[in-house]
């Protein structure tokens, strides 16, 4: 703001009058002075120094698992609860499908057609060690 004031003091006054939210992309309405931040690259480099010896595909699997674990731990710490046990990501070759067992919604759209669990839902149910019958249409 001091550089803007050097150019034209009227611009500084104008920016204050219209409010930060109209021109600043990083304006926060709360005091963030005590927020600790870290560089994600430093964190990842520190915990993956031995995993970097792995093949690329194995390294990516390791990184995905690590980030999922961090996210789960953060959710537990923040909300006092873990992931929703009804929502799963199922990999089928190179494709990824989201399975929500609670409302029988599958991103492949198969249940919506024949009202039977698709292969992705069956994989999630097998993982959860649950029976598929309760996820079928009563008809």
Protein backbone atom coordinates (compact mmCIF):
# COMPACT_ATOMS: atom_id res chain seq x y z
CA UNK A 1 0.00 0.00 0.00
CA UNK A 2 2.92 2.34 0.61
CA UNK A 3 4.02 1.91 -3.02
CA UNK A 4 0.48 2.66 -4.21
CA UNK A 5 0.41 5.75 -1.99
CA UNK A 6 3.67 6.96 -3.56
CA UNK A 7 2.08 6.79 -7.00
CA UNK A 8 -1.27 8.36 -6.10
CA UNK A 9 -2.65 8.74 -2.55
CA UNK A 10 -6.21 8.87 -3.91
CA UNK A 11 -5.93 5.26 -5.11
CA UNK A 12 -5.02 4.06 -1.61
CA UNK A 13 -8.02 5.87 -0.13
CA UNK A 14 -10.26 4.46 -2.85
CA UNK A 15 -9.10 0.89 -2.21
CA UNK A 16 -9.74 1.26 1.52
CA UNK A 17 -13.20 2.66 0.85
CA UNK A 18 -14.40 -0.15 -1.43
CA UNK A 19 -13.16 -2.88 0.93
CA UNK A 20 -10.46 -5.50 0.74
CA UNK A 21 -12.81 -8.23 -0.45
CA UNK A 22 -13.27 -6.40 -3.79
CA UNK A 23 -9.61 -6.26 -4.79
CA UNK A 24 -7.48 -8.54 -2.61
CA UNK A 25 -7.29 -12.24 -3.41
CA UNK A 26 -5.70 -13.09 -0.05
CA UNK A 27 -7.77 -11.03 2.37
CA UNK A 28 -8.89 -12.92 5.49
CA UNK A 29 -11.51 -11.58 7.89
CA UNK A 30 -9.94 -13.41 10.84
CA UNK A 31 -6.63 -12.83 12.59
CA UNK A 32 -4.27 -15.49 11.29
CA UNK A 33 -1.17 -14.31 13.15
CA UNK A 34 -0.91 -17.45 15.26
CA UNK A 35 -1.56 -19.93 12.44
CA UNK A 36 1.34 -22.26 11.80
CA UNK A 37 1.93 -23.15 8.20
CA UNK A 38 4.42 -25.51 6.65
CA UNK A 39 5.74 -26.18 3.22
CA UNK A 40 4.13 -29.38 1.92
CA UNK A 41 7.15 -30.06 -0.28
CA UNK A 42 9.43 -30.12 2.77
CA UNK A 43 7.06 -32.46 4.60
CA UNK A 44 6.82 -34.82 1.64
CA UNK A 45 10.57 -34.77 0.99
CA UNK A 46 11.24 -35.65 4.61
CA UNK A 47 8.92 -38.66 4.79
CA UNK A 48 9.63 -39.98 1.29
CA UNK A 49 13.42 -39.93 1.27
CA UNK A 50 13.61 -43.74 1.38
CA UNK A 51 10.56 -44.28 -0.84
CA UNK A 52 12.22 -42.31 -3.64
CA UNK A 53 14.23 -45.42 -4.41
CA UNK A 54 11.03 -47.19 -5.51
CA UNK A 55 9.83 -47.51 -9.07
CA UNK A 56 7.58 -44.67 -10.23
CA UNK A 57 4.30 -46.58 -9.92
CA UNK A 58 5.19 -47.89 -6.47
CA UNK A 59 6.28 -44.40 -5.39
CA UNK A 60 2.94 -42.96 -6.51
CA UNK A 61 1.05 -45.67 -4.62
CA UNK A 62 3.12 -44.90 -1.53
CA UNK A 63 2.44 -41.17 -1.87
CA UNK A 64 -1.32 -41.74 -2.33
CA UNK A 65 -1.46 -43.95 0.76
CA UNK A 66 0.56 -41.44 2.75
CA UNK A 67 -1.68 -38.51 1.79
CA UNK A 68 -4.81 -40.55 2.53
CA UNK A 69 -3.44 -41.39 5.98
CA UNK A 70 -2.57 -37.75 6.68
CA UNK A 71 -6.04 -36.66 5.58
CA UNK A 72 -7.70 -39.27 7.77
CA UNK A 73 -5.60 -38.26 10.79
CA UNK A 74 -6.44 -34.60 10.17
CA UNK A 75 -10.16 -35.39 9.97
CA UNK A 76 -10.04 -37.38 13.17
CA UNK A 77 -8.18 -34.59 14.94
CA UNK A 78 -10.48 -31.87 13.60
CA UNK A 79 -13.89 -33.54 13.71
CA UNK A 80 -13.35 -36.33 16.16
CA UNK A 81 -14.38 -38.80 13.49
CA UNK A 82 -12.86 -40.66 10.60
CA UNK A 83 -13.90 -41.14 7.02
CA UNK A 84 -17.45 -42.03 6.21
CA UNK A 85 -17.29 -45.83 6.03
CA UNK A 86 -19.99 -45.80 3.34
CA UNK A 87 -17.94 -43.91 0.73
CA UNK A 88 -15.21 -45.77 -1.14
CA UNK A 89 -12.97 -45.19 -4.14
CA UNK A 90 -12.60 -48.32 -6.28
CA UNK A 91 -9.96 -48.59 -8.98
CA UNK A 92 -10.87 -50.63 -12.05
CA UNK A 93 -7.83 -50.68 -14.28
CA UNK A 94 -7.04 -47.05 -15.02
CA UNK A 95 -10.54 -45.83 -14.10
CA UNK A 96 -11.64 -44.69 -10.67
CA UNK A 97 -15.20 -45.09 -9.37
CA UNK A 98 -16.84 -43.61 -6.31
CA UNK A 99 -19.18 -45.92 -4.41
CA UNK A 100 -21.54 -44.52 -1.79
CA UNK A 101 -23.10 -47.50 -0.05
CA UNK A 102 -25.34 -45.39 2.17
CA UNK A 103 -27.50 -44.00 -0.64
CA UNK A 104 -26.66 -46.71 -3.20
CA UNK A 105 -25.07 -44.20 -5.54
CA UNK A 106 -22.31 -45.43 -7.78
CA UNK A 107 -20.47 -43.17 -10.20
CA UNK A 108 -20.61 -45.82 -12.93
CA UNK A 109 -24.42 -45.49 -12.92
CA UNK A 110 -25.03 -49.24 -12.92
CA UNK A 111 -27.24 -49.37 -9.81
CA UNK A 112 -29.44 -46.65 -11.20
CA UNK A 113 -30.14 -48.92 -14.20
CA UNK A 114 -30.79 -52.38 -12.74
CA UNK A 115 -30.88 -51.65 -8.98
CA UNK A 116 -28.26 -54.27 -8.23
CA UNK A 117 -24.81 -53.52 -6.82
CA UNK A 118 -22.23 -53.12 -9.58
CA UNK A 119 -18.84 -54.82 -9.48
CA UNK A 120 -17.37 -51.71 -7.85
CA UNK A 121 -19.94 -51.79 -5.06
CA UNK A 122 -19.31 -55.51 -4.59
CA UNK A 123 -15.58 -54.78 -4.20
CA UNK A 124 -16.36 -52.14 -1.55
CA UNK A 125 -18.74 -54.53 0.23
CA UNK A 126 -16.14 -57.28 0.17
CA UNK A 127 -13.64 -54.84 1.66
CA UNK A 128 -16.14 -53.89 4.39
CA UNK A 129 -16.96 -57.58 4.91
CA UNK A 130 -20.69 -56.91 4.39
CA UNK A 131 -23.37 -58.85 2.56
CA UNK A 132 -24.64 -57.52 -0.76
CA UNK A 133 -28.30 -58.44 -0.23
CA UNK A 134 -29.11 -55.34 1.81
CA UNK A 135 -27.85 -53.16 -1.05
CA UNK A 136 -30.19 -54.66 -3.66
CA UNK A 137 -33.58 -53.32 -4.65
CA UNK A 138 -36.42 -55.14 -2.85
CA UNK A 139 -37.94 -55.85 -6.26
